[in-house]
Amino acid sequence: MNKIYPSAAEALKGIVQDGQLIAVGGFGLCGIPEALIDALRDSGAKNLTAISNNAGVDGFGLGKLLETRQIKKMISSYVGENKEFERQYLAGELELEFTPQGTLAEKLRAAGAGIPAFFTKTGVGTVVAEGKELRDFNGETYVMEHALFPEVSLVKAFRADQSGNLQFRLTARNFNPAAAMAGKVCVVEVEEIVETGTFKPDEVHLPGIYVHRIVLNQRPEKRIEKRTITEKAGV
């Protein structure tokens, strides 16, 4: 089975539709699937619910889909870098399901493991727990959280072999493996594709069984969210 597609647009063809629940890997702008996000924007799919730790920034990442009004709801843990997000949310134009960061990661991981729900202490006694089932275990109160099962996951990895086995690079791994495992269909953007058998078993970060489509993007922008420079005397 050939998993390699000639472009991001071709990789999304036939699987992206209006109203879908879509997971997007990355943390801030680190490890986001830049080409796939652009292709999703260009597809014109609308009324999307996007699962992503962040909502990109103005004009980049998922911020591009907010500008085109293709996202109707975000399921995120931090959205503070996007002014358009703020404007839409405060104006009642965008729905938001705030989720603690660890809980969001577990919602995706649980889905990939086939676990429909789990209990956690995080959020008990706050607005996070409102309307959710509470249960006591060993004298402690826990809130039940449901796993997230996205119809499509868009993921960034550093390298893939032709069977879809993945390697991630450093902190760009972040939410990507969990998002890949959770998706019913997983599309991965990589910087390099190698022959199957190149990786030793211990070098595989995510098995190809979770990957359905691969697209090559050799030169992603990898924009830095905030650049801080310290001037040193004598330099």
Protein backbone atom coordinates (compact mmCIF):
# COMPACT_ATOMS: atom_id res chain seq x y z
CA MET A 1 0.00 0.00 0.00
CA ASN A 2 1.48 3.33 -1.06
CA LYS A 3 1.12 5.89 1.70
CA ILE A 4 3.11 8.66 0.01
CA TYR A 5 1.21 11.50 -1.68
CA PRO A 6 2.70 14.08 -4.06
CA SER A 7 1.34 17.13 -2.22
CA ALA A 8 -0.48 18.18 0.93
CA ALA A 9 -3.58 18.94 -1.13
CA GLU A 10 -3.59 15.42 -2.59
CA ALA A 11 -3.05 13.93 0.87
CA LEU A 12 -6.23 15.61 2.15
CA LYS A 13 -8.33 14.88 -0.93
CA GLY A 14 -11.38 12.76 -0.16
CA ILE A 15 -10.96 12.72 3.61
CA VAL A 16 -11.62 16.32 4.68
CA GLN A 17 -15.23 17.46 4.90
CA ASP A 18 -17.32 20.22 6.47
CA GLY A 19 -18.16 19.81 10.15
CA GLN A 20 -15.40 17.38 11.04
CA LEU A 21 -13.53 16.93 14.30
CA ILE A 22 -9.87 17.39 13.39
CA ALA A 23 -6.77 17.05 15.59
CA VAL A 24 -3.66 19.07 14.75
CA GLY A 25 -0.31 18.29 16.33
CA GLY A 26 2.15 20.83 17.65
CA PHE A 27 2.81 23.00 20.67
CA GLY A 28 2.68 26.70 19.99
CA LEU A 29 4.36 26.83 16.58
CA CYS A 30 6.74 23.96 17.37
CA GLY A 31 6.02 20.81 15.42
CA ILE A 32 2.95 22.04 13.57
CA PRO A 33 2.14 20.52 10.14
CA GLU A 34 2.53 23.76 8.19
CA ALA A 35 1.84 22.43 4.70
CA LEU A 36 -1.16 20.38 5.82
CA ILE A 37 -2.67 23.38 7.61
CA ASP A 38 -2.31 25.42 4.43
CA ALA A 39 -3.90 22.61 2.42
CA LEU A 40 -6.77 22.38 4.90
CA ARG A 41 -7.35 26.11 4.49
CA ASP A 42 -7.27 25.80 0.71
CA SER A 43 -9.72 22.87 0.80
CA GLY A 44 -12.45 25.25 1.90
CA ALA A 45 -13.74 22.84 4.55
CA LYS A 46 -15.77 24.80 7.11
CA ASN A 47 -17.54 24.43 10.46
CA LEU A 48 -14.56 22.47 11.76
CA THR A 49 -13.90 21.60 15.38
CA ALA A 50 -10.15 21.70 15.89
CA ILE A 51 -8.30 19.91 18.68
CA SER A 52 -4.95 21.55 19.25
CA ASN A 53 -3.03 22.67 22.32
CA ASN A 54 -2.77 26.14 20.79
CA ALA A 55 -4.66 27.99 18.08
CA GLY A 56 -1.59 29.20 16.23
CA VAL A 57 -0.84 32.91 15.98
CA ASP A 58 -2.29 35.62 13.80
CA GLY A 59 -1.52 34.73 10.20
CA PHE A 60 0.27 31.45 10.87
CA GLY A 61 -0.63 27.90 11.86
CA LEU A 62 -4.29 27.48 12.77
CA GLY A 63 -4.51 31.27 12.86
CA LYS A 64 -4.90 31.04 9.07
CA LEU A 65 -8.08 28.98 9.45
CA LEU A 66 -9.44 31.38 12.03
CA GLU A 67 -8.97 34.24 9.58
CA THR A 68 -10.98 32.38 6.93
CA ARG A 69 -13.65 31.42 9.50
CA GLN A 70 -13.30 27.71 8.81
CA ILE A 71 -13.08 26.79 12.50
CA LYS A 72 -16.30 27.01 14.50
CA LYS A 73 -14.91 25.51 17.73
CA MET A 74 -11.49 25.06 19.35
CA ILE A 75 -10.63 22.41 21.94
CA SER A 76 -7.42 23.78 23.44
CA SER A 77 -5.47 24.47 26.60
CA TYR A 78 -3.78 27.78 25.65
CA VAL A 79 -4.87 30.37 23.10
CA GLY A 80 -3.26 33.56 24.36
CA GLU A 81 -1.07 34.32 21.33
CA ASN A 82 -3.87 34.94 18.84
CA LYS A 83 -5.67 38.30 18.74
CA GLU A 84 -8.16 37.16 16.09
CA PHE A 85 -9.04 34.19 18.27
CA GLU A 86 -9.66 36.56 21.16
CA ARG A 87 -11.80 38.84 19.03
CA GLN A 88 -13.95 36.01 17.65
CA TYR A 89 -14.41 34.40 21.05
CA LEU A 90 -15.37 37.61 22.84
CA ALA A 91 -17.77 38.44 20.01
CA GLY A 92 -19.49 35.06 20.34
CA GLU A 93 -18.33 33.98 16.88
CA LEU A 94 -16.15 31.09 18.04
CA GLU A 95 -16.82 28.29 20.51
CA LEU A 96 -14.11 27.27 22.95
CA GLU A 97 -13.71 24.17 25.10
CA PHE A 98 -10.87 24.97 27.48
CA THR A 99 -9.11 21.81 28.62
CA PRO A 100 -6.17 21.44 31.04
CA GLN A 101 -3.05 20.59 29.05
CA GLY A 102 -2.43 17.18 30.62
CA THR A 103 -6.09 16.27 30.29
CA LEU A 104 -6.05 17.24 26.61
CA ALA A 105 -3.03 15.02 26.00
CA GLU A 106 -4.71 12.14 27.83
CA LYS A 107 -7.96 12.60 25.89
CA LEU A 108 -6.00 11.94 22.69
CA ARG A 109 -3.82 9.19 24.14
CA ALA A 110 -6.87 7.41 25.54
CA ALA A 111 -8.60 7.53 22.17
CA GLY A 112 -5.56 5.97 20.54
CA ALA A 113 -5.64 3.20 23.13
CA GLY A 114 -9.39 2.62 22.63
CA ILE A 115 -10.32 3.99 26.06
CA PRO A 116 -13.57 5.99 25.85
CA ALA A 117 -13.22 7.88 29.14
CA PHE A 118 -11.06 8.22 32.25
CA PHE A 119 -11.07 9.84 35.68
CA THR A 120 -8.71 12.62 36.77
CA LYS A 121 -8.42 14.97 39.74
CA THR A 122 -7.47 17.86 37.46
CA GLY A 123 -10.26 20.43 37.32
CA VAL A 124 -12.28 19.15 40.29
CA GLY A 125 -13.92 22.10 42.03
CA THR A 126 -13.51 24.41 39.01
CA VAL A 127 -15.53 25.31 35.91
CA VAL A 128 -13.69 22.47 34.12
CA ALA A 129 -15.79 19.95 36.07
CA GLU A 130 -19.16 21.64 35.56
CA GLY A 131 -21.73 19.25 34.09
CA LYS A 132 -19.39 16.25 34.28
CA GLU A 133 -19.65 13.08 36.33
CA LEU A 134 -17.78 13.10 39.64
CA ARG A 135 -16.77 9.97 41.50
CA ASP A 136 -14.86 9.22 44.68
CA PHE A 137 -11.88 6.85 44.73
CA ASN A 138 -10.02 6.20 47.98
CA GLY A 139 -11.52 9.28 49.56
CA GLU A 140 -10.60 11.61 46.68
CA THR A 141 -12.95 13.16 44.13
CA TYR A 142 -12.29 12.70 40.43
CA VAL A 143 -13.97 14.06 37.31
CA MET A 144 -14.73 11.87 34.32
CA GLU A 145 -13.31 13.10 31.01
CA HIS A 146 -14.23 11.67 27.62
CA ALA A 147 -11.59 10.72 25.07
CA LEU A 148 -11.41 12.62 21.78
CA PHE A 149 -11.77 10.62 18.57
CA PRO A 150 -10.93 12.95 15.66
CA GLU A 151 -12.02 11.91 12.20
CA VAL A 152 -8.76 13.25 10.77
CA SER A 153 -5.42 13.96 12.44
CA LEU A 154 -2.82 16.25 10.88
CA VAL A 155 0.63 15.51 12.27
CA LYS A 156 4.21 16.70 11.82
CA ALA A 157 7.17 14.31 12.12
CA PHE A 158 10.82 14.71 11.20
CA ARG A 159 11.27 11.53 9.19
CA ALA A 160 9.15 8.65 7.89
CA ASP A 161 9.92 5.46 6.09
CA GLN A 162 7.71 4.35 3.23
CA SER A 163 5.63 2.17 5.57
CA GLY A 164 4.78 5.18 7.73
CA ASN A 165 7.03 4.46 10.69
CA LEU A 166 7.88 7.84 12.21
CA GLN A 167 10.71 9.63 13.94
CA PHE A 168 10.15 12.94 15.71
CA ARG A 169 12.81 15.52 16.48
CA LEU A 170 13.31 16.69 20.06
CA THR A 171 10.48 18.85 21.48
CA ALA A 172 8.67 18.88 18.11
CA ARG A 173 7.33 15.47 19.18
CA ASN A 174 4.97 17.11 21.75
CA PHE A 175 1.28 16.34 20.94
CA ASN A 176 1.99 14.72 17.58
CA PRO A 177 2.15 11.01 18.56
CA ALA A 178 -1.03 11.24 20.63
CA ALA A 179 -2.86 13.09 17.84
CA ALA A 180 -1.67 10.51 15.30
CA MET A 181 -2.86 7.58 17.38
CA ALA A 182 -6.28 9.11 18.06
CA GLY A 183 -7.25 9.91 14.47
CA LYS A 184 -9.40 7.60 12.40
CA VAL A 185 -7.32 8.81 9.46
CA CYS A 186 -3.84 10.17 10.13
CA VAL A 187 -1.98 12.35 7.63
CA VAL A 188 1.67 13.08 8.39
CA GLU A 189 3.93 15.81 7.03
CA VAL A 190 7.64 14.99 7.15
CA GLU A 191 10.95 16.53 6.13
CA GLU A 192 12.47 13.30 4.89
CA ILE A 193 11.21 9.95 3.56
CA VAL A 194 13.49 6.91 3.65
CA GLU A 195 13.23 3.29 2.54
CA THR A 196 11.36 0.83 4.72
CA GLY A 197 13.89 -1.01 6.86
CA THR A 198 16.13 2.03 7.35
CA PHE A 199 15.08 2.39 11.00
CA LYS A 200 16.12 -0.07 13.64
CA PRO A 201 13.13 -1.14 15.78
CA ASP A 202 14.25 1.02 18.73
CA GLU A 203 14.53 4.04 16.44
CA VAL A 204 10.81 4.04 15.60
CA HIS A 205 8.95 6.60 17.71
CA LEU A 206 5.52 5.76 16.28
CA PRO A 207 4.66 2.62 14.29
CA GLY A 208 3.34 2.99 10.76
CA ILE A 209 0.11 1.20 11.68
CA TYR A 210 -1.19 4.59 12.86
CA VAL A 211 -0.22 6.43 9.67
CA HIS A 212 -2.39 6.41 6.56
CA ARG A 213 -0.96 9.16 4.35
CA ILE A 214 2.45 10.86 4.13
CA VAL A 215 3.47 14.07 2.41
CA LEU A 216 6.98 15.49 2.05
CA ASN A 217 7.73 19.09 3.05
CA GLN A 218 11.49 19.46 2.98
CA ARG A 219 11.63 23.15 3.85
CA PRO A 220 9.04 24.12 6.47
CA GLU A 221 9.30 27.67 7.76
CA LYS A 222 9.50 26.65 11.45
CA ARG A 223 8.60 30.12 12.60
CA ILE A 224 9.66 31.09 16.12
CA GLU A 225 6.71 32.22 18.23
CA LYS A 226 8.68 34.76 20.24
CA ARG A 227 12.31 35.61 19.70
CA THR A 228 14.18 37.09 22.67
CA ILE A 229 17.72 38.30 22.19
CA THR A 230 20.13 39.26 24.96
CA GLU A 231 22.94 41.57 23.99
CA LYS A 232 26.32 40.72 25.49
CA ALA A 233 28.93 43.31 26.25
CA GLY A 234 31.84 43.22 23.83
CA VAL A 235 29.98 41.30 21.11
